[in-house]
């Protein structure tokens, strides 16, 4: 009998299913990796957005006379 068949008999219904990170937390390892990937992208998008807003407030807004800072 091959190793795959032994593993299939030992695991029963759980054979082929992804393992959870923790037994009491229904999140698979793949889902946690996707969550980290998307939150990292979101964080970088927030950083870029913050830089754009900062550049607008510091350089562009005063040249347009907004907020009375360019006077």
N, C-alpha and C. Protein backbone atom coordinates (compact mmCIF):
# COMPACT_ATOMS: atom_id res chain seq x y z
N UNK A 1 0.85 -1.17 0.00
CA UNK A 1 0.00 0.00 0.00
C UNK A 1 0.89 1.24 0.00
N UNK A 2 0.54 2.22 -0.82
CA UNK A 2 1.34 3.43 -0.93
C UNK A 2 1.09 4.39 0.22
N UNK A 3 1.99 5.35 0.32
CA UNK A 3 1.90 6.35 1.39
C UNK A 3 0.63 7.18 1.27
N UNK A 4 0.24 7.53 0.05
CA UNK A 4 -0.97 8.33 -0.14
C UNK A 4 -2.22 7.59 0.34
N UNK A 5 -2.27 6.31 0.09
CA UNK A 5 -3.43 5.53 0.54
C UNK A 5 -3.46 5.42 2.05
N UNK A 6 -2.30 5.24 2.65
CA UNK A 6 -2.23 5.19 4.13
C UNK A 6 -2.69 6.52 4.73
N UNK A 7 -2.21 7.60 4.15
CA UNK A 7 -2.58 8.92 4.65
C UNK A 7 -4.08 9.15 4.49
N UNK A 8 -4.64 8.72 3.36
CA UNK A 8 -6.07 8.89 3.10
C UNK A 8 -6.90 8.10 4.11
N UNK A 9 -6.47 6.89 4.42
CA UNK A 9 -7.19 6.08 5.40
C UNK A 9 -7.06 6.66 6.79
N UNK A 10 -5.90 7.22 7.12
CA UNK A 10 -5.69 7.77 8.46
C UNK A 10 -6.49 9.06 8.66
N UNK A 11 -6.56 9.90 7.63
CA UNK A 11 -7.25 11.19 7.78
C UNK A 11 -8.76 11.08 7.57
N UNK A 12 -9.19 10.11 6.81
CA UNK A 12 -10.63 9.94 6.58
C UNK A 12 -11.22 11.10 5.81
N UNK A 13 -12.22 11.78 6.38
CA UNK A 13 -12.91 12.88 5.71
C UNK A 13 -12.03 14.12 5.56
N UNK A 14 -11.03 14.27 6.40
CA UNK A 14 -10.18 15.45 6.35
C UNK A 14 -9.11 15.37 5.25
N UNK A 15 -9.06 14.26 4.54
CA UNK A 15 -8.06 14.09 3.49
C UNK A 15 -8.32 15.09 2.35
N UNK A 16 -7.30 15.82 1.97
CA UNK A 16 -7.41 16.79 0.89
C UNK A 16 -7.87 18.17 1.32
N UNK A 17 -8.29 18.33 2.56
CA UNK A 17 -8.72 19.64 3.04
C UNK A 17 -7.50 20.39 3.60
N UNK A 18 -7.55 21.70 3.47
CA UNK A 18 -6.45 22.50 3.98
C UNK A 18 -6.50 22.55 5.50
N UNK A 19 -5.33 22.53 6.13
CA UNK A 19 -5.31 22.61 7.60
C UNK A 19 -5.60 24.02 8.09
N UNK A 20 -6.21 24.10 9.25
CA UNK A 20 -6.46 25.40 9.88
C UNK A 20 -5.21 25.87 10.60
N UNK A 21 -5.12 27.19 10.81
CA UNK A 21 -4.00 27.74 11.56
C UNK A 21 -4.05 27.23 13.00
N UNK A 22 -5.19 27.39 13.60
CA UNK A 22 -5.44 26.90 14.95
C UNK A 22 -6.70 26.04 14.91
N UNK A 23 -6.80 25.01 15.72
CA UNK A 23 -7.98 24.14 15.67
C UNK A 23 -9.30 24.87 15.94
N UNK A 24 -9.29 25.90 16.77
CA UNK A 24 -10.51 26.60 17.13
C UNK A 24 -10.78 27.82 16.25
N UNK A 25 -9.87 28.12 15.30
CA UNK A 25 -10.02 29.28 14.42
C UNK A 25 -10.22 28.78 12.99
N UNK A 26 -11.41 28.98 12.40
CA UNK A 26 -11.69 28.40 11.09
C UNK A 26 -11.08 29.21 9.92
N UNK A 27 -9.78 29.43 9.98
CA UNK A 27 -9.07 30.14 8.92
C UNK A 27 -7.93 29.24 8.45
N UNK A 28 -7.88 29.01 7.14
CA UNK A 28 -6.84 28.14 6.60
C UNK A 28 -5.55 28.93 6.41
N UNK A 29 -4.50 28.21 6.17
CA UNK A 29 -3.20 28.86 5.95
C UNK A 29 -3.22 29.71 4.69
N UNK A 30 -3.89 29.23 3.65
CA UNK A 30 -3.98 30.00 2.41
C UNK A 30 -4.75 31.30 2.63
N UNK A 31 -5.83 31.25 3.40
CA UNK A 31 -6.60 32.46 3.68
C UNK A 31 -5.77 33.46 4.47
N UNK A 32 -4.96 32.99 5.40
CA UNK A 32 -4.13 33.91 6.17
C UNK A 32 -3.06 34.56 5.29
N UNK A 33 -2.52 33.80 4.35
CA UNK A 33 -1.53 34.38 3.43
C UNK A 33 -2.16 35.44 2.53
N UNK A 34 -3.39 35.17 2.05
CA UNK A 34 -4.09 36.15 1.22
C UNK A 34 -4.41 37.41 2.03
N UNK A 35 -4.81 37.23 3.29
CA UNK A 35 -5.11 38.38 4.15
C UNK A 35 -3.87 39.25 4.33
N UNK A 36 -2.73 38.63 4.57
CA UNK A 36 -1.50 39.41 4.73
C UNK A 36 -1.11 40.12 3.45
N UNK A 37 -1.31 39.46 2.31
CA UNK A 37 -0.98 40.08 1.03
C UNK A 37 -1.84 41.32 0.79
N UNK A 38 -3.15 41.20 1.02
CA UNK A 38 -4.05 42.32 0.77
C UNK A 38 -3.87 43.45 1.78
N UNK A 39 -3.60 43.13 3.04
CA UNK A 39 -3.39 44.19 4.01
C UNK A 39 -2.08 44.92 3.75
N UNK A 40 -1.08 44.21 3.25
CA UNK A 40 0.18 44.88 2.89
C UNK A 40 -0.04 45.83 1.72
N UNK A 41 -0.80 45.40 0.73
CA UNK A 41 -1.11 46.28 -0.39
C UNK A 41 -1.91 47.50 0.08
N UNK A 42 -2.86 47.27 0.96
CA UNK A 42 -3.65 48.38 1.48
C UNK A 42 -2.81 49.37 2.27
N UNK A 43 -1.86 48.86 3.03
CA UNK A 43 -0.99 49.74 3.80
C UNK A 43 -0.14 50.60 2.86
N UNK A 44 0.41 50.00 1.81
CA UNK A 44 1.22 50.76 0.85
C UNK A 44 0.35 51.79 0.12
N UNK A 45 -0.88 51.44 -0.20
CA UNK A 45 -1.78 52.39 -0.85
C UNK A 45 -2.06 53.57 0.09
N UNK A 46 -2.21 53.28 1.38
CA UNK A 46 -2.42 54.35 2.35
C UNK A 46 -1.21 55.25 2.48
N UNK A 47 -0.03 54.68 2.44
CA UNK A 47 1.20 55.48 2.52
C UNK A 47 1.32 56.39 1.30
N UNK A 48 1.06 55.84 0.11
CA UNK A 48 1.12 56.65 -1.11
C UNK A 48 0.07 57.75 -1.06
N UNK A 49 -1.14 57.42 -0.60
CA UNK A 49 -2.17 58.44 -0.47
C UNK A 49 -1.79 59.54 0.50
N UNK A 50 -1.18 59.18 1.59
CA UNK A 50 -0.73 60.17 2.57
C UNK A 50 0.33 61.09 1.97
N UNK A 51 1.24 60.55 1.19
CA UNK A 51 2.27 61.36 0.55
C UNK A 51 1.64 62.32 -0.46
N UNK A 52 0.66 61.84 -1.22
CA UNK A 52 0.00 62.71 -2.20
C UNK A 52 -0.73 63.85 -1.50
N UNK A 53 -1.43 63.54 -0.43
CA UNK A 53 -2.13 64.60 0.32
C UNK A 53 -1.13 65.58 0.91
N UNK A 54 -0.04 65.09 1.44
CA UNK A 54 0.97 65.96 2.04
C UNK A 54 1.57 66.89 0.99
N UNK A 55 1.91 66.33 -0.18
CA UNK A 55 2.46 67.16 -1.25
C UNK A 55 1.45 68.22 -1.69
N UNK A 56 0.18 67.86 -1.74
CA UNK A 56 -0.86 68.82 -2.12
C UNK A 56 -0.95 69.95 -1.11
N UNK A 57 -0.96 69.61 0.15
CA UNK A 57 -1.09 70.63 1.20
C UNK A 57 0.14 71.51 1.26
N UNK A 58 1.31 70.96 1.12
CA UNK A 58 2.54 71.73 1.29
C UNK A 58 2.89 72.56 0.06
N UNK A 59 2.71 72.01 -1.14
CA UNK A 59 3.19 72.71 -2.33
C UNK A 59 2.08 73.27 -3.22
N UNK A 60 1.08 72.49 -3.51
CA UNK A 60 0.07 72.92 -4.48
C UNK A 60 -0.94 73.88 -3.87
N UNK A 61 -1.43 73.59 -2.68
CA UNK A 61 -2.45 74.44 -2.07
C UNK A 61 -1.97 75.87 -1.85
N UNK A 62 -0.78 76.11 -1.34
CA UNK A 62 -0.35 77.51 -1.17
C UNK A 62 -0.22 78.25 -2.50
N UNK A 63 0.20 77.56 -3.54
CA UNK A 63 0.34 78.24 -4.83
C UNK A 63 -1.02 78.62 -5.42
N UNK A 64 -2.06 77.91 -5.05
CA UNK A 64 -3.41 78.23 -5.51
C UNK A 64 -4.11 79.21 -4.58
N UNK A 65 -3.49 79.52 -3.45
CA UNK A 65 -4.08 80.46 -2.52
C UNK A 65 -5.08 79.84 -1.57
N UNK A 66 -5.11 78.52 -1.48
CA UNK A 66 -6.03 77.86 -0.57
C UNK A 66 -5.57 78.02 0.87
N UNK A 67 -6.49 78.09 1.78
CA UNK A 67 -6.28 78.14 3.23
C UNK A 67 -5.49 79.36 3.68
N UNK A 68 -5.27 80.31 2.81
CA UNK A 68 -4.57 81.51 3.20
C UNK A 68 -3.10 81.28 3.51
N UNK A 69 -2.55 80.17 3.11
CA UNK A 69 -1.16 79.88 3.43
C UNK A 69 -0.19 80.50 2.42
N UNK A 70 -0.66 80.83 1.23
CA UNK A 70 0.22 81.34 0.21
C UNK A 70 0.34 82.85 0.20
N UNK A 71 -0.18 83.52 1.21
CA UNK A 71 -0.17 84.98 1.22
C UNK A 71 1.00 85.54 1.98
